[in-house]
Amino acid sequence: MDDRVILMDDDEFKTKFNLIKTERSGILDMILELLTACKQHKKLLDMNYANLYFYIACVQTSVIIFSTFSAFTQALGTSVNIPEDVQFIISLVISTYISLTLSLSKFFKLDEKKENVHNIREKFAELHNKIRYRIDVIKPWVQRGYINKQNINEQLEKWKTEKDTLLADYFKMIEIKESLFKEFEKTIDTNLRNKYAILSKVEELDHENNMYYLNKRIIKKDGMTVCTQTESIIVNNEYQENSTESAASNIA
């Protein structure tokens, strides 16, 4: 009779534990899907921001260089005999270049675009932190040490409250995501988005290839040889072959 009671208790515990586990898994899948979508969009924004930063840096650097060169030639003309026509042409070319470059930069609104992209990136980063916080919150809910037979009923009630909170926060994050995606679509058009998506995929493939070759390398640390499983087989085979050859030479 006691065994049956214990068996029933085990079944009841497993039922309640599996209920928490199933609901937790469903919520976690939704949150991870949301995080993945947001990370993909933020990565495209990062690439766009890097390009804008590069263009603006080139413009500002060239303006500084040419302005400095113009001032240098004017100062040099006081001590070195430089024809006035040459000085005039140099100053005219440099001033025209600076004016044209700054005008084009203002026309294409590079600074405004960079600032706008930066603000959207920060909002995505804040959303990512909120999502990761929720992921951390639900991590303990499948651990046996966190839930046991003694506290299963209490934890089940807590989980119901936590689940309602998670779902409420999830719908709030969905609203934030919708708003950010609208800003994203206004900032990056389809052609630019497709371009960055291809570049992003190429970077991921390059990263995977680099990690693959890196994992195949033999790393020596503290006199110990650490290698991958494939390399371990190769090294062991070579060691066995060398040992065999050495033994054969000794016998001979």
C-alpha atoms as a PDB file:
ATOM      1  CA  MET A   1       0.000   0.000   0.000  1.00  0.00           C
ATOM      2  CA  ASP A   2       2.817   2.382   0.840  1.00  0.00           C
ATOM      3  CA  ASP A   3       4.462   1.663  -2.511  1.00  0.00           C
ATOM      4  CA  ARG A   4       1.262   2.587  -4.301  1.00  0.00           C
ATOM      5  CA  VAL A   5       1.020   5.880  -2.412  1.00  0.00           C
ATOM      6  CA  ILE A   6       4.630   6.700  -3.260  1.00  0.00           C
ATOM      7  CA  LEU A   7       3.985   5.735  -6.882  1.00  0.00           C
ATOM      8  CA  MET A   8       0.961   8.030  -7.000  1.00  0.00           C
ATOM      9  CA  ASP A   9       2.995  10.823  -5.452  1.00  0.00           C
ATOM     10  CA  ASP A  10       5.657  10.304  -8.111  1.00  0.00           C
ATOM     11  CA  ASP A  11       3.053  10.390 -10.875  1.00  0.00           C
ATOM     12  CA  GLU A  12       1.482  13.541  -9.475  1.00  0.00           C
ATOM     13  CA  PHE A  13       4.885  15.190  -9.139  1.00  0.00           C
ATOM     14  CA  LYS A  14       5.839  14.256 -12.690  1.00  0.00           C
ATOM     15  CA  THR A  15       2.528  15.556 -14.021  1.00  0.00           C
ATOM     16  CA  LYS A  16       2.900  18.927 -12.329  1.00  0.00           C
ATOM     17  CA  PHE A  17       6.599  19.152 -13.136  1.00  0.00           C
ATOM     18  CA  ASN A  18       5.964  18.320 -16.799  1.00  0.00           C
ATOM     19  CA  LEU A  19       3.207  20.950 -16.879  1.00  0.00           C
ATOM     20  CA  ILE A  20       5.659  23.600 -15.723  1.00  0.00           C
ATOM     21  CA  LYS A  21       8.318  22.269 -18.082  1.00  0.00           C
ATOM     22  CA  THR A  22       5.986  22.277 -21.100  1.00  0.00           C
ATOM     23  CA  GLU A  23       4.642  25.764 -20.462  1.00  0.00           C
ATOM     24  CA  ARG A  24       8.117  27.063 -19.742  1.00  0.00           C
ATOM     25  CA  SER A  25       9.450  25.514 -22.965  1.00  0.00           C
ATOM     26  CA  GLY A  26       6.694  27.133 -25.034  1.00  0.00           C
ATOM     27  CA  ILE A  27       7.329  30.575 -23.549  1.00  0.00           C
ATOM     28  CA  LEU A  28      11.080  30.162 -23.963  1.00  0.00           C
ATOM     29  CA  ASP A  29      10.652  29.281 -27.657  1.00  0.00           C
ATOM     30  CA  MET A  30       8.615  32.430 -28.222  1.00  0.00           C
ATOM     31  CA  ILE A  31      11.153  34.602 -26.408  1.00  0.00           C
ATOM     32  CA  LEU A  32      14.106  33.069 -28.279  1.00  0.00           C
ATOM     33  CA  GLU A  33      12.347  33.561 -31.605  1.00  0.00           C
ATOM     34  CA  LEU A  34      11.780  37.194 -30.696  1.00  0.00           C
ATOM     35  CA  LEU A  35      15.421  37.598 -29.683  1.00  0.00           C
ATOM     36  CA  THR A  36      16.667  36.002 -32.910  1.00  0.00           C
ATOM     37  CA  ALA A  37      14.569  38.300 -35.092  1.00  0.00           C
ATOM     38  CA  CYS A  38      15.722  41.381 -33.182  1.00  0.00           C
ATOM     39  CA  LYS A  39      19.379  40.343 -33.309  1.00  0.00           C
ATOM     40  CA  GLN A  40      19.203  39.890 -37.078  1.00  0.00           C
ATOM     41  CA  HIS A  41      17.789  43.387 -37.555  1.00  0.00           C
ATOM     42  CA  LYS A  42      20.293  44.925 -35.156  1.00  0.00           C
ATOM     43  CA  LYS A  43      23.156  43.268 -37.019  1.00  0.00           C
ATOM     44  CA  LEU A  44      22.010  44.925 -40.252  1.00  0.00           C
ATOM     45  CA  LEU A  45      21.802  48.237 -38.418  1.00  0.00           C
ATOM     46  CA  ASP A  46      25.346  47.716 -37.111  1.00  0.00           C
ATOM     47  CA  MET A  47      26.594  47.190 -40.656  1.00  0.00           C
ATOM     48  CA  ASN A  48      24.783  50.288 -41.884  1.00  0.00           C
ATOM     49  CA  TYR A  49      26.152  52.324 -38.987  1.00  0.00           C
ATOM     50  CA  ALA A  50      29.694  51.107 -39.733  1.00  0.00           C
ATOM     51  CA  ASN A  51      29.376  52.199 -43.366  1.00  0.00           C
ATOM     52  CA  LEU A  52      27.991  55.612 -42.452  1.00  0.00           C
ATOM     53  CA  TYR A  53      30.714  56.080 -39.845  1.00  0.00           C
ATOM     54  CA  PHE A  54      33.350  55.183 -42.447  1.00  0.00           C
ATOM     55  CA  TYR A  55      32.013  57.691 -44.992  1.00  0.00           C
ATOM     56  CA  ILE A  56      31.775  60.476 -42.405  1.00  0.00           C
ATOM     57  CA  ALA A  57      35.248  59.680 -41.080  1.00  0.00           C
ATOM     58  CA  CYS A  58      36.660  59.862 -44.619  1.00  0.00           C
ATOM     59  CA  VAL A  59      34.980  63.218 -45.215  1.00  0.00           C
ATOM     60  CA  GLN A  60      36.123  64.739 -41.930  1.00  0.00           C
ATOM     61  CA  THR A  61      39.648  63.328 -42.199  1.00  0.00           C
ATOM     62  CA  SER A  62      40.104  64.615 -45.743  1.00  0.00           C
ATOM     63  CA  VAL A  63      38.811  68.056 -44.747  1.00  0.00           C
ATOM     64  CA  ILE A  64      41.257  68.198 -41.834  1.00  0.00           C
ATOM     65  CA  ILE A  65      44.170  67.060 -44.009  1.00  0.00           C
ATOM     66  CA  PHE A  66      43.503  69.521 -46.825  1.00  0.00           C
ATOM     67  CA  SER A  67      42.820  72.385 -44.417  1.00  0.00           C
ATOM     68  CA  THR A  68      46.106  71.700 -42.678  1.00  0.00           C
ATOM     69  CA  PHE A  69      47.914  71.488 -46.012  1.00  0.00           C
ATOM     70  CA  SER A  70      46.416  74.800 -47.107  1.00  0.00           C
ATOM     71  CA  ALA A  71      47.544  76.490 -43.897  1.00  0.00           C
ATOM     72  CA  PHE A  72      50.981  74.913 -44.297  1.00  0.00           C
ATOM     73  CA  THR A  73      51.452  76.222 -47.831  1.00  0.00           C
ATOM     74  CA  GLN A  74      50.366  79.715 -46.790  1.00  0.00           C
ATOM     75  CA  ALA A  75      52.809  79.736 -43.876  1.00  0.00           C
ATOM     76  CA  LEU A  76      55.536  78.282 -46.058  1.00  0.00           C
ATOM     77  CA  GLY A  77      54.979  80.999 -48.657  1.00  0.00           C
ATOM     78  CA  THR A  78      56.219  83.647 -46.224  1.00  0.00           C
ATOM     79  CA  SER A  79      59.655  82.056 -45.942  1.00  0.00           C
ATOM     80  CA  VAL A  80      59.965  80.189 -49.246  1.00  0.00           C
ATOM     81  CA  ASN A  81      59.544  81.799 -52.594  1.00  0.00           C
ATOM     82  CA  ILE A  82      56.298  80.232 -53.833  1.00  0.00           C
ATOM     83  CA  PRO A  83      54.604  81.999 -56.742  1.00  0.00           C
ATOM     84  CA  GLU A  84      51.378  83.705 -55.783  1.00  0.00           C
ATOM     85  CA  ASP A  85      49.596  82.024 -58.663  1.00  0.00           C
ATOM     86  CA  VAL A  86      50.519  78.624 -57.276  1.00  0.00           C
ATOM     87  CA  GLN A  87      49.385  79.573 -53.790  1.00  0.00           C
ATOM     88  CA  PHE A  88      46.133  80.927 -55.192  1.00  0.00           C
ATOM     89  CA  ILE A  89      45.445  77.767 -57.194  1.00  0.00           C
ATOM     90  CA  ILE A  90      46.224  75.520 -54.216  1.00  0.00           C
ATOM     91  CA  SER A  91      43.979  77.534 -51.913  1.00  0.00           C
ATOM     92  CA  LEU A  92      41.211  77.628 -54.526  1.00  0.00           C
ATOM     93  CA  VAL A  93      41.328  73.861 -55.144  1.00  0.00           C
ATOM     94  CA  ILE A  94      41.372  73.027 -51.445  1.00  0.00           C
ATOM     95  CA  SER A  95      38.591  75.441 -50.532  1.00  0.00           C
ATOM     96  CA  THR A  96      36.483  74.161 -53.444  1.00  0.00           C
ATOM     97  CA  TYR A  97      37.046  70.555 -52.387  1.00  0.00           C
ATOM     98  CA  ILE A  98      36.164  71.268 -48.761  1.00  0.00           C
ATOM     99  CA  SER A  99      33.037  73.189 -49.706  1.00  0.00           C
ATOM    100  CA  LEU A 100      31.925  70.496 -52.163  1.00  0.00           C
ATOM    101  CA  THR A 101      32.600  67.640 -49.760  1.00  0.00           C
ATOM    102  CA  LEU A 102      30.766  69.240 -46.848  1.00  0.00           C
ATOM    103  CA  SER A 103      27.871  70.189 -49.108  1.00  0.00           C
ATOM    104  CA  LEU A 104      27.530  66.635 -50.392  1.00  0.00           C
ATOM    105  CA  SER A 105      27.724  65.280 -46.868  1.00  0.00           C
ATOM    106  CA  LYS A 106      24.972  67.656 -45.800  1.00  0.00           C
ATOM    107  CA  PHE A 107      22.925  66.883 -48.919  1.00  0.00           C
ATOM    108  CA  PHE A 108      22.982  63.136 -48.255  1.00  0.00           C
ATOM    109  CA  LYS A 109      22.324  63.798 -44.537  1.00  0.00           C
ATOM    110  CA  LEU A 110      25.076  61.438 -43.439  1.00  0.00           C
ATOM    111  CA  ASP A 111      25.265  62.799 -39.887  1.00  0.00           C
ATOM    112  CA  GLU A 112      21.493  62.650 -39.443  1.00  0.00           C
ATOM    113  CA  LYS A 113      21.349  59.105 -40.777  1.00  0.00           C
ATOM    114  CA  LYS A 114      24.182  57.989 -38.531  1.00  0.00           C
ATOM    115  CA  GLU A 115      22.532  59.519 -35.478  1.00  0.00           C
ATOM    116  CA  ASN A 116      19.184  57.961 -36.363  1.00  0.00           C
ATOM    117  CA  VAL A 117      20.698  54.504 -36.851  1.00  0.00           C
ATOM    118  CA  HIS A 118      22.612  54.874 -33.590  1.00  0.00           C
ATOM    119  CA  ASN A 119      19.406  55.660 -31.682  1.00  0.00           C
ATOM    120  CA  ILE A 120      17.590  52.654 -33.151  1.00  0.00           C
ATOM    121  CA  ARG A 121      20.551  50.407 -32.303  1.00  0.00           C
ATOM    122  CA  GLU A 122      20.392  51.562 -28.687  1.00  0.00           C
ATOM    123  CA  LYS A 123      16.672  50.783 -28.534  1.00  0.00           C
ATOM    124  CA  PHE A 124      17.317  47.303 -29.939  1.00  0.00           C
ATOM    125  CA  ALA A 125      20.061  46.797 -27.346  1.00  0.00           C
ATOM    126  CA  GLU A 126      17.655  47.743 -24.550  1.00  0.00           C
ATOM    127  CA  LEU A 127      15.089  45.295 -25.899  1.00  0.00           C
ATOM    128  CA  HIS A 128      17.741  42.567 -26.076  1.00  0.00           C
ATOM    129  CA  ASN A 129      18.597  43.127 -22.421  1.00  0.00           C
ATOM    130  CA  LYS A 130      14.939  42.827 -21.440  1.00  0.00           C
ATOM    131  CA  ILE A 131      14.579  39.594 -23.395  1.00  0.00           C
ATOM    132  CA  ARG A 132      17.763  38.105 -21.927  1.00  0.00           C
ATOM    133  CA  TYR A 133      16.582  39.057 -18.453  1.00  0.00           C
ATOM    134  CA  ARG A 134      13.369  37.104 -19.014  1.00  0.00           C
ATOM    135  CA  ILE A 135      15.388  34.138 -20.268  1.00  0.00           C
ATOM    136  CA  ASP A 136      17.447  34.226 -17.075  1.00  0.00           C
ATOM    137  CA  VAL A 137      14.288  34.395 -14.977  1.00  0.00           C
ATOM    138  CA  ILE A 138      12.834  31.171 -16.382  1.00  0.00           C
ATOM    139  CA  LYS A 139      16.074  29.182 -16.335  1.00  0.00           C
ATOM    140  CA  PRO A 140      15.610  27.663 -12.838  1.00  0.00           C
ATOM    141  CA  TRP A 141      12.115  26.356 -13.547  1.00  0.00           C
ATOM    142  CA  VAL A 142      13.299  23.052 -15.013  1.00  0.00           C
ATOM    143  CA  GLN A 143      15.915  22.298 -12.387  1.00  0.00           C
ATOM    144  CA  ARG A 144      15.181  19.390 -10.033  1.00  0.00           C
ATOM    145  CA  GLY A 145      16.853  21.198  -7.166  1.00  0.00           C
ATOM    146  CA  TYR A 146      14.572  24.196  -7.666  1.00  0.00           C
ATOM    147  CA  ILE A 147      11.429  22.070  -7.837  1.00  0.00           C
ATOM    148  CA  ASN A 148      11.004  18.944  -5.702  1.00  0.00           C
ATOM    149  CA  LYS A 149       8.237  16.873  -4.161  1.00  0.00           C
ATOM    150  CA  GLN A 150       8.134  18.969  -1.015  1.00  0.00           C
ATOM    151  CA  ASN A 151       7.540  22.308  -2.766  1.00  0.00           C
ATOM    152  CA  ILE A 152       5.909  21.285  -6.046  1.00  0.00           C
ATOM    153  CA  ASN A 153       2.477  22.695  -5.121  1.00  0.00           C
ATOM    154  CA  GLU A 154       3.947  25.948  -3.885  1.00  0.00           C
ATOM    155  CA  GLN A 155       6.191  26.249  -6.926  1.00  0.00           C
ATOM    156  CA  LEU A 156       3.292  25.480  -9.242  1.00  0.00           C
ATOM    157  CA  GLU A 157       1.353  28.434  -7.825  1.00  0.00           C
ATOM    158  CA  LYS A 158       4.431  30.631  -8.153  1.00  0.00           C
ATOM    159  CA  TRP A 159       4.884  29.442 -11.730  1.00  0.00           C
ATOM    160  CA  LYS A 160       1.309  30.442 -12.613  1.00  0.00           C
ATOM    161  CA  THR A 161       2.026  33.947 -11.355  1.00  0.00           C
ATOM    162  CA  GLU A 162       5.396  34.008 -13.108  1.00  0.00           C
ATOM    163  CA  LYS A 163       3.832  32.732 -16.338  1.00  0.00           C
ATOM    164  CA  ASP A 164       1.261  35.540 -16.334  1.00  0.00           C
ATOM    165  CA  THR A 165       4.055  38.054 -15.758  1.00  0.00           C
ATOM    166  CA  LEU A 166       6.159  36.547 -18.547  1.00  0.00           C
ATOM    167  CA  LEU A 167       3.290  36.623 -21.030  1.00  0.00           C
ATOM    168  CA  ALA A 168       2.423  40.206 -20.097  1.00  0.00           C
ATOM    169  CA  ASP A 169       6.053  41.251 -20.572  1.00  0.00           C
ATOM    170  CA  TYR A 170       6.225  39.267 -23.803  1.00  0.00           C
ATOM    171  CA  PHE A 171       3.298  41.166 -25.326  1.00  0.00           C
ATOM    172  CA  LYS A 172       4.875  44.451 -24.227  1.00  0.00           C
ATOM    173  CA  MET A 173       8.138  43.429 -25.914  1.00  0.00           C
ATOM    174  CA  ILE A 174       6.180  42.510 -29.048  1.00  0.00           C
ATOM    175  CA  GLU A 175       4.795  46.057 -29.138  1.00  0.00           C
ATOM    176  CA  ILE A 176       8.302  47.477 -28.754  1.00  0.00           C
ATOM    177  CA  LYS A 177       9.529  45.164 -31.495  1.00  0.00           C
ATOM    178  CA  GLU A 178       6.771  46.312 -33.833  1.00  0.00           C
ATOM    179  CA  SER A 179       7.711  49.936 -33.236  1.00  0.00           C
ATOM    180  CA  LEU A 180      11.410  49.274 -33.783  1.00  0.00           C
ATOM    181  CA  PHE A 181      10.777  47.256 -36.935  1.00  0.00           C
ATOM    182  CA  LYS A 182       8.779  50.186 -38.344  1.00  0.00           C
ATOM    183  CA  GLU A 183      11.715  52.509 -37.658  1.00  0.00           C
ATOM    184  CA  PHE A 184      14.023  49.931 -39.207  1.00  0.00           C
ATOM    185  CA  GLU A 185      11.965  49.769 -42.405  1.00  0.00           C
ATOM    186  CA  LYS A 186      11.961  53.563 -42.663  1.00  0.00           C
ATOM    187  CA  THR A 187      15.734  53.710 -42.193  1.00  0.00           C
ATOM    188  CA  ILE A 188      16.893  50.844 -44.412  1.00  0.00           C
ATOM    189  CA  ASP A 189      15.164  50.145 -47.708  1.00  0.00           C
ATOM    190  CA  THR A 190      14.751  46.707 -49.285  1.00  0.00           C
ATOM    191  CA  ASN A 191      17.770  46.912 -51.602  1.00  0.00           C
ATOM    192  CA  LEU A 192      20.096  47.984 -48.809  1.00  0.00           C
ATOM    193  CA  ARG A 193      18.633  45.361 -46.513  1.00  0.00           C
ATOM    194  CA  ASN A 194      19.219  42.589 -49.073  1.00  0.00           C
ATOM    195  CA  LYS A 195      22.774  43.821 -49.595  1.00  0.00           C
ATOM    196  CA  TYR A 196      23.561  43.723 -45.877  1.00  0.00           C
ATOM    197  CA  ALA A 197      21.821  40.354 -45.500  1.00  0.00           C
ATOM    198  CA  ILE A 198      24.143  38.852 -48.118  1.00  0.00           C
ATOM    199  CA  LEU A 199      27.211  40.414 -46.507  1.00  0.00           C
ATOM    200  CA  SER A 200      26.068  39.157 -43.124  1.00  0.00           C
ATOM    201  CA  LYS A 201      25.699  35.630 -44.465  1.00  0.00           C
ATOM    202  CA  VAL A 202      29.173  35.780 -46.003  1.00  0.00           C
ATOM    203  CA  GLU A 203      30.613  36.903 -42.653  1.00  0.00           C
ATOM    204  CA  GLU A 204      28.879  34.027 -40.876  1.00  0.00           C
ATOM    205  CA  LEU A 205      30.280  31.507 -43.372  1.00  0.00           C
ATOM    206  CA  ASP A 206      33.771  32.965 -43.013  1.00  0.00           C
ATOM    207  CA  HIS A 207      33.455  32.786 -39.238  1.00  0.00           C
ATOM    208  CA  GLU A 208      32.336  29.150 -39.386  1.00  0.00           C
ATOM    209  CA  ASN A 209      35.240  28.279 -41.685  1.00  0.00           C
ATOM    210  CA  ASN A 210      37.730  30.036 -39.418  1.00  0.00           C
ATOM    211  CA  MET A 211      36.359  28.232 -36.367  1.00  0.00           C
ATOM    212  CA  TYR A 212      36.522  24.925 -38.217  1.00  0.00           C
ATOM    213  CA  TYR A 213      40.199  25.354 -39.122  1.00  0.00           C
ATOM    214  CA  LEU A 214      40.954  26.755 -35.683  1.00  0.00           C
ATOM    215  CA  ASN A 215      39.439  23.683 -34.019  1.00  0.00           C
ATOM    216  CA  LYS A 216      41.565  21.457 -36.255  1.00  0.00           C
ATOM    217  CA  ARG A 217      44.806  23.050 -35.136  1.00  0.00           C
ATOM    218  CA  ILE A 218      46.863  21.394 -32.438  1.00  0.00           C
ATOM    219  CA  ILE A 219      47.164  23.680 -29.448  1.00  0.00           C
ATOM    220  CA  LYS A 220      50.062  23.159 -27.087  1.00  0.00           C
ATOM    221  CA  LYS A 221      49.640  24.335 -23.538  1.00  0.00           C
ATOM    222  CA  ASP A 222      51.837  23.665 -20.525  1.00  0.00           C
ATOM    223  CA  GLY A 223      53.662  20.953 -22.409  1.00  0.00           C
ATOM    224  CA  MET A 224      50.412  19.046 -23.058  1.00  0.00           C
ATOM    225  CA  THR A 225      49.128  18.524 -26.586  1.00  0.00           C
ATOM    226  CA  VAL A 226      45.450  19.258 -26.910  1.00  0.00           C
ATOM    227  CA  CYS A 227      43.819  18.397 -30.214  1.00  0.00           C
ATOM    228  CA  THR A 228      40.513  17.543 -31.784  1.00  0.00           C
ATOM    229  CA  GLN A 229      39.220  13.995 -32.043  1.00  0.00           C
ATOM    230  CA  THR A 230      40.274  13.719 -35.685  1.00  0.00           C
ATOM    231  CA  GLU A 231      43.779  15.005 -34.938  1.00  0.00           C
ATOM    232  CA  SER A 232      44.014  12.699 -31.938  1.00  0.00           C
ATOM    233  CA  ILE A 233      43.421   9.693 -34.190  1.00  0.00           C
ATOM    234  CA  ILE A 234      46.038  10.931 -36.671  1.00  0.00           C
ATOM    235  CA  VAL A 235      48.599  11.610 -33.939  1.00  0.00           C
ATOM    236  CA  ASN A 236      47.966   8.214 -32.328  1.00  0.00           C
ATOM    237  CA  ASN A 237      48.347   6.436 -35.660  1.00  0.00           C
ATOM    238  CA  GLU A 238      51.606   8.255 -36.378  1.00  0.00           C
ATOM    239  CA  TYR A 239      52.850   7.447 -32.874  1.00  0.00           C
ATOM    240  CA  GLN A 240      51.994   3.764 -33.307  1.00  0.00           C
ATOM    241  CA  GLU A 241      53.714   3.669 -36.705  1.00  0.00           C
ATOM    242  CA  ASN A 242      56.835   5.340 -35.304  1.00  0.00           C
ATOM    243  CA  SER A 243      56.846   2.983 -32.305  1.00  0.00           C
ATOM    244  CA  THR A 244      56.545  -0.019 -34.598  1.00  0.00           C
ATOM    245  CA  GLU A 245      59.392   1.176 -36.791  1.00  0.00           C
ATOM    246  CA  SER A 246      61.563   1.880 -33.742  1.00  0.00           C
ATOM    247  CA  ALA A 247      60.906  -1.573 -32.292  1.00  0.00           C
ATOM    248  CA  ALA A 248      61.686  -3.213 -35.621  1.00  0.00           C
ATOM    249  CA  SER A 249      64.993  -1.336 -35.884  1.00  0.00           C
ATOM    250  CA  ASN A 250      65.945  -2.389 -32.357  1.00  0.00           C
ATOM    251  CA  ILE A 251      65.235  -6.035 -33.133  1.00  0.00           C
ATOM    252  CA  ALA A 252      67.280  -5.795 -36.302  1.00  0.00           C
END
